[in-house]
Amino acid sequence: LKINEIDPGAENIRFIAKVNTFFILGISATLVSNRNGANNLRCVLGDETGVVNAFLAESPELIVGRTVALFNAEARVVKEHIEIQRARVEAARGQIDKVNEKFNLSEKSWVPVD
């Protein structure tokens, strides 16, 4: 699956992406502790089709510039924007050389329709 093919609400998705950047919130870094004491990171993932925001459990694989494989990810709509969550992150076998930053899936607004 490529980033530009991800639909809102999709579950159990698997894709390969490059860790593009981490969000910086004020002076602090982007680590957020959950109830279990584990840390989560906000970052931008990308491939040749686009980029998407992610909120993932801290992993040694999440290093800017590294290509990672994401398994069992969820494409949640948070404040009307897609965010990848709850993915298992592993090192990818291949590399993504170029990231298309012109298409940001998370910038698109998704409004629920009843």
N, C-alpha and C. Protein backbone atom coordinates (compact mmCIF):
# COMPACT_ATOMS: atom_id res chain seq x y z
N LEU A 1 0.85 -1.19 0.00
CA LEU A 1 0.00 0.00 0.00
C LEU A 1 0.89 1.24 0.00
N LYS A 2 0.50 2.24 -0.75
CA LYS A 2 1.23 3.51 -0.78
C LYS A 2 0.45 4.54 0.03
N ILE A 3 1.14 5.57 0.48
CA ILE A 3 0.51 6.58 1.35
C ILE A 3 -0.69 7.24 0.68
N ASN A 4 -0.62 7.53 -0.61
CA ASN A 4 -1.74 8.19 -1.27
C ASN A 4 -2.95 7.27 -1.43
N GLU A 5 -2.81 5.99 -1.10
CA GLU A 5 -3.93 5.03 -1.20
C GLU A 5 -4.60 4.77 0.15
N ILE A 6 -4.10 5.38 1.21
CA ILE A 6 -4.66 5.15 2.55
C ILE A 6 -5.99 5.89 2.68
N ASP A 7 -7.00 5.16 3.15
CA ASP A 7 -8.33 5.73 3.36
C ASP A 7 -8.57 5.96 4.86
N PRO A 8 -9.38 6.98 5.20
CA PRO A 8 -9.69 7.21 6.61
C PRO A 8 -10.42 6.02 7.21
N GLY A 9 -10.03 5.66 8.42
CA GLY A 9 -10.67 4.55 9.11
C GLY A 9 -10.10 3.19 8.75
N ALA A 10 -9.14 3.13 7.84
CA ALA A 10 -8.56 1.84 7.46
C ALA A 10 -7.84 1.21 8.65
N GLU A 11 -7.94 -0.09 8.76
CA GLU A 11 -7.29 -0.83 9.84
C GLU A 11 -6.45 -1.95 9.27
N ASN A 12 -5.50 -2.43 10.07
CA ASN A 12 -4.62 -3.53 9.68
C ASN A 12 -3.90 -3.26 8.37
N ILE A 13 -3.49 -2.02 8.17
CA ILE A 13 -2.78 -1.69 6.94
C ILE A 13 -1.29 -1.90 7.14
N ARG A 14 -0.64 -2.16 6.04
CA ARG A 14 0.80 -2.43 6.05
C ARG A 14 1.41 -1.61 4.92
N PHE A 15 2.46 -0.86 5.25
CA PHE A 15 3.14 -0.10 4.22
C PHE A 15 4.57 0.22 4.64
N ILE A 16 5.36 0.65 3.68
CA ILE A 16 6.75 1.02 3.92
C ILE A 16 6.88 2.52 3.73
N ALA A 17 7.59 3.17 4.65
CA ALA A 17 7.73 4.62 4.57
C ALA A 17 9.07 5.05 5.16
N LYS A 18 9.46 6.24 4.79
CA LYS A 18 10.68 6.83 5.33
C LYS A 18 10.29 7.79 6.44
N VAL A 19 11.03 7.76 7.55
CA VAL A 19 10.78 8.71 8.63
C VAL A 19 11.32 10.05 8.15
N ASN A 20 10.39 10.98 7.89
CA ASN A 20 10.76 12.25 7.28
C ASN A 20 11.19 13.28 8.32
N THR A 21 10.34 13.53 9.31
CA THR A 21 10.64 14.50 10.36
C THR A 21 9.89 14.13 11.64
N PHE A 22 10.28 14.75 12.74
CA PHE A 22 9.54 14.65 13.99
C PHE A 22 8.92 16.00 14.26
N PHE A 23 7.74 16.00 14.88
CA PHE A 23 7.11 17.25 15.28
C PHE A 23 7.83 17.79 16.50
N ILE A 24 8.01 19.08 16.54
CA ILE A 24 8.56 19.73 17.72
C ILE A 24 7.43 20.57 18.33
N LEU A 25 7.12 20.30 19.58
CA LEU A 25 6.05 21.01 20.26
C LEU A 25 6.67 21.96 21.28
N GLY A 26 6.77 23.23 20.93
CA GLY A 26 7.41 24.19 21.82
C GLY A 26 8.88 23.84 21.99
N ILE A 27 9.36 23.85 23.21
CA ILE A 27 10.76 23.55 23.49
C ILE A 27 10.98 22.05 23.63
N SER A 28 9.96 21.34 24.09
CA SER A 28 10.12 19.92 24.34
C SER A 28 10.10 19.12 23.04
N ALA A 29 10.58 17.91 23.11
CA ALA A 29 10.54 17.02 21.96
C ALA A 29 9.12 16.48 21.82
N THR A 30 8.95 15.45 21.06
CA THR A 30 7.62 14.96 20.75
C THR A 30 7.24 13.71 21.51
N LEU A 31 7.95 13.40 22.57
CA LEU A 31 7.59 12.22 23.36
C LEU A 31 6.39 12.52 24.24
N VAL A 32 5.42 11.62 24.22
CA VAL A 32 4.24 11.74 25.06
C VAL A 32 4.08 10.40 25.77
N SER A 33 4.02 10.40 27.09
CA SER A 33 3.88 9.15 27.84
C SER A 33 2.42 8.78 27.95
N ASN A 34 2.14 7.48 27.79
CA ASN A 34 0.76 7.02 27.98
C ASN A 34 0.61 6.46 29.39
N ARG A 35 -0.54 5.91 29.70
CA ARG A 35 -0.82 5.42 31.04
C ARG A 35 0.13 4.31 31.49
N ASN A 36 0.65 3.55 30.55
CA ASN A 36 1.55 2.44 30.89
C ASN A 36 3.00 2.90 31.06
N GLY A 37 3.25 4.19 30.88
CA GLY A 37 4.60 4.70 30.99
C GLY A 37 5.40 4.60 29.70
N ALA A 38 4.80 4.05 28.66
CA ALA A 38 5.49 3.96 27.36
C ALA A 38 5.42 5.31 26.66
N ASN A 39 6.40 5.58 25.84
CA ASN A 39 6.44 6.86 25.12
C ASN A 39 5.91 6.71 23.71
N ASN A 40 5.24 7.74 23.24
CA ASN A 40 4.76 7.80 21.86
C ASN A 40 5.40 9.00 21.18
N LEU A 41 5.55 8.90 19.87
CA LEU A 41 6.18 9.96 19.08
C LEU A 41 5.24 10.46 18.00
N ARG A 42 5.31 11.74 17.73
CA ARG A 42 4.61 12.31 16.57
C ARG A 42 5.66 12.55 15.50
N CYS A 43 5.41 12.00 14.31
CA CYS A 43 6.37 12.16 13.22
C CYS A 43 5.65 12.22 11.89
N VAL A 44 6.40 12.50 10.85
CA VAL A 44 5.88 12.50 9.48
C VAL A 44 6.56 11.36 8.74
N LEU A 45 5.74 10.51 8.11
CA LEU A 45 6.23 9.40 7.32
C LEU A 45 5.97 9.70 5.85
N GLY A 46 6.87 9.25 4.97
CA GLY A 46 6.67 9.54 3.55
C GLY A 46 7.16 8.44 2.63
N ASP A 47 6.62 8.46 1.42
CA ASP A 47 7.10 7.61 0.34
C ASP A 47 7.04 8.41 -0.95
N GLU A 48 7.19 7.75 -2.09
CA GLU A 48 7.23 8.48 -3.36
C GLU A 48 5.88 9.07 -3.76
N THR A 49 4.79 8.69 -3.04
CA THR A 49 3.46 9.21 -3.37
C THR A 49 2.99 10.33 -2.46
N GLY A 50 3.61 10.48 -1.26
CA GLY A 50 3.18 11.54 -0.36
C GLY A 50 3.67 11.33 1.05
N VAL A 51 3.17 12.17 1.97
CA VAL A 51 3.53 12.09 3.38
C VAL A 51 2.25 12.04 4.23
N VAL A 52 2.40 11.56 5.47
CA VAL A 52 1.28 11.46 6.39
C VAL A 52 1.81 11.61 7.81
N ASN A 53 1.02 12.22 8.68
CA ASN A 53 1.38 12.36 10.08
C ASN A 53 1.14 11.03 10.79
N ALA A 54 1.96 10.77 11.82
CA ALA A 54 1.82 9.52 12.57
C ALA A 54 2.04 9.78 14.06
N PHE A 55 1.36 8.99 14.87
CA PHE A 55 1.52 9.00 16.32
C PHE A 55 1.79 7.55 16.71
N LEU A 56 3.07 7.24 16.99
CA LEU A 56 3.50 5.86 17.13
C LEU A 56 4.23 5.63 18.44
N ALA A 57 4.22 4.39 18.89
CA ALA A 57 4.99 4.01 20.07
C ALA A 57 6.47 4.18 19.76
N GLU A 58 7.21 4.67 20.74
CA GLU A 58 8.64 4.88 20.56
C GLU A 58 9.32 3.58 20.15
N SER A 59 10.19 3.66 19.17
CA SER A 59 10.90 2.49 18.65
C SER A 59 12.30 2.91 18.24
N PRO A 60 13.29 2.06 18.43
CA PRO A 60 14.65 2.40 18.00
C PRO A 60 14.75 2.54 16.48
N GLU A 61 13.76 2.02 15.75
CA GLU A 61 13.77 2.13 14.28
C GLU A 61 13.36 3.53 13.81
N LEU A 62 12.68 4.29 14.67
CA LEU A 62 12.18 5.60 14.26
C LEU A 62 13.29 6.65 14.35
N ILE A 63 14.04 6.73 13.29
CA ILE A 63 15.14 7.68 13.16
C ILE A 63 14.95 8.42 11.84
N VAL A 64 15.08 9.74 11.86
CA VAL A 64 14.90 10.53 10.64
C VAL A 64 15.82 10.01 9.55
N GLY A 65 15.24 9.77 8.38
CA GLY A 65 16.00 9.27 7.24
C GLY A 65 15.97 7.77 7.07
N ARG A 66 15.51 7.05 8.08
CA ARG A 66 15.46 5.59 8.00
C ARG A 66 14.15 5.13 7.37
N THR A 67 14.20 4.08 6.58
CA THR A 67 13.01 3.49 5.99
C THR A 67 12.50 2.38 6.91
N VAL A 68 11.21 2.42 7.21
CA VAL A 68 10.61 1.46 8.14
C VAL A 68 9.40 0.78 7.51
N ALA A 69 9.10 -0.40 8.01
CA ALA A 69 7.88 -1.12 7.62
C ALA A 69 6.90 -1.01 8.77
N LEU A 70 5.67 -0.65 8.45
CA LEU A 70 4.62 -0.53 9.46
C LEU A 70 3.59 -1.63 9.25
N PHE A 71 3.23 -2.31 10.33
CA PHE A 71 2.29 -3.41 10.28
C PHE A 71 1.11 -3.13 11.22
N ASN A 72 -0.07 -3.61 10.83
CA ASN A 72 -1.29 -3.47 11.64
C ASN A 72 -1.57 -2.02 12.02
N ALA A 73 -1.27 -1.12 11.14
CA ALA A 73 -1.50 0.31 11.40
C ALA A 73 -2.97 0.65 11.22
N GLU A 74 -3.36 1.73 11.88
CA GLU A 74 -4.71 2.27 11.74
C GLU A 74 -4.62 3.69 11.22
N ALA A 75 -5.50 4.03 10.29
CA ALA A 75 -5.58 5.39 9.76
C ALA A 75 -6.75 6.08 10.46
N ARG A 76 -6.47 6.68 11.58
CA ARG A 76 -7.50 7.36 12.38
C ARG A 76 -7.71 8.77 11.88
N VAL A 77 -8.93 9.26 12.00
CA VAL A 77 -9.22 10.66 11.70
C VAL A 77 -9.22 11.40 13.03
N VAL A 78 -8.25 12.30 13.19
CA VAL A 78 -8.09 13.07 14.42
C VAL A 78 -8.25 14.54 14.05
N LYS A 79 -9.26 15.17 14.63
CA LYS A 79 -9.56 16.58 14.31
C LYS A 79 -9.65 16.79 12.80
N GLU A 80 -10.38 15.89 12.14
CA GLU A 80 -10.68 15.93 10.71
C GLU A 80 -9.47 15.67 9.80
N HIS A 81 -8.38 15.11 10.34
CA HIS A 81 -7.19 14.83 9.53
C HIS A 81 -6.68 13.42 9.82
N ILE A 82 -6.22 12.73 8.79
CA ILE A 82 -5.71 11.37 8.95
C ILE A 82 -4.40 11.37 9.71
N GLU A 83 -4.29 10.41 10.63
CA GLU A 83 -3.06 10.20 11.39
C GLU A 83 -2.87 8.69 11.53
N ILE A 84 -1.69 8.21 11.23
CA ILE A 84 -1.39 6.79 11.38
C ILE A 84 -1.12 6.52 12.86
N GLN A 85 -1.74 5.45 13.39
CA GLN A 85 -1.59 5.12 14.80
C GLN A 85 -1.47 3.61 14.98
N ARG A 86 -1.02 3.22 16.17
CA ARG A 86 -0.99 1.84 16.64
C ARG A 86 -0.28 0.86 15.72
N ALA A 87 0.73 1.29 15.04
CA ALA A 87 1.45 0.41 14.13
C ALA A 87 2.63 -0.26 14.81
N ARG A 88 2.92 -1.47 14.40
CA ARG A 88 4.17 -2.13 14.79
C ARG A 88 5.22 -1.68 13.79
N VAL A 89 6.35 -1.20 14.26
CA VAL A 89 7.38 -0.63 13.40
C VAL A 89 8.60 -1.54 13.40
N GLU A 90 9.08 -1.86 12.19
CA GLU A 90 10.29 -2.66 12.03
C GLU A 90 11.16 -2.03 10.95
N ALA A 91 12.42 -2.39 10.94
CA ALA A 91 13.33 -1.92 9.88
C ALA A 91 12.87 -2.53 8.56
N ALA A 92 12.87 -1.72 7.51
CA ALA A 92 12.48 -2.21 6.18
C ALA A 92 13.70 -2.80 5.48
N ARG A 93 13.45 -3.74 4.59
CA ARG A 93 14.54 -4.34 3.82
C ARG A 93 15.06 -3.39 2.76
N GLY A 94 14.16 -2.66 2.12
CA GLY A 94 14.55 -1.74 1.06
C GLY A 94 14.66 -0.31 1.56
N GLN A 95 15.02 0.58 0.68
CA GLN A 95 15.16 1.99 1.02
C GLN A 95 14.22 2.81 0.15
N ILE A 96 13.69 3.87 0.72
CA ILE A 96 12.96 4.87 -0.05
C ILE A 96 13.89 6.06 -0.19
N ASP A 97 14.26 6.37 -1.43
CA ASP A 97 15.23 7.45 -1.66
C ASP A 97 14.58 8.82 -1.68
N LYS A 98 13.48 8.95 -2.40
CA LYS A 98 12.83 10.26 -2.54
C LYS A 98 11.44 10.22 -1.96
N VAL A 99 11.12 11.26 -1.21
CA VAL A 99 9.80 11.41 -0.60
C VAL A 99 9.09 12.57 -1.29
N ASN A 100 7.84 12.34 -1.68
CA ASN A 100 7.03 13.37 -2.31
C ASN A 100 6.35 14.20 -1.22
N GLU A 101 6.91 15.35 -0.92
CA GLU A 101 6.34 16.21 0.13
C GLU A 101 5.25 17.13 -0.41
N LYS A 102 4.98 17.07 -1.70
CA LYS A 102 3.96 17.94 -2.30
C LYS A 102 2.55 17.45 -1.97
N PHE A 103 2.39 16.15 -1.70
CA PHE A 103 1.08 15.60 -1.34
C PHE A 103 1.12 15.17 0.12
N ASN A 104 0.42 15.92 0.98
CA ASN A 104 0.35 15.60 2.40
C ASN A 104 -1.05 15.10 2.71
N LEU A 105 -1.19 13.80 2.90
CA LEU A 105 -2.49 13.19 3.17
C LEU A 105 -3.13 13.77 4.42
N SER A 106 -2.31 14.16 5.39
CA SER A 106 -2.83 14.68 6.65
C SER A 106 -3.33 16.12 6.55
N GLU A 107 -3.03 16.81 5.47
CA GLU A 107 -3.55 18.18 5.30
C GLU A 107 -4.98 18.18 4.78
N LYS A 108 -5.39 17.09 4.17
CA LYS A 108 -6.74 16.99 3.63
C LYS A 108 -7.75 16.85 4.77
N SER A 109 -8.85 17.58 4.71
CA SER A 109 -9.89 17.50 5.75
C SER A 109 -10.87 16.39 5.42
N TRP A 110 -11.16 15.59 6.42
CA TRP A 110 -12.13 14.50 6.28
C TRP A 110 -13.30 14.79 7.21
N VAL A 111 -14.44 15.07 6.63
CA VAL A 111 -15.63 15.42 7.41
C VAL A 111 -16.57 14.21 7.40
N PRO A 112 -17.00 13.76 8.59
CA PRO A 112 -17.91 12.62 8.66
C PRO A 112 -19.24 12.94 7.97
N VAL A 113 -19.76 11.96 7.25
CA VAL A 113 -21.05 12.11 6.58
C VAL A 113 -22.02 11.12 7.21
N ASP A 114 -23.17 11.63 7.63
CA ASP A 114 -24.18 10.75 8.27
C ASP A 114 -25.11 10.17 7.25
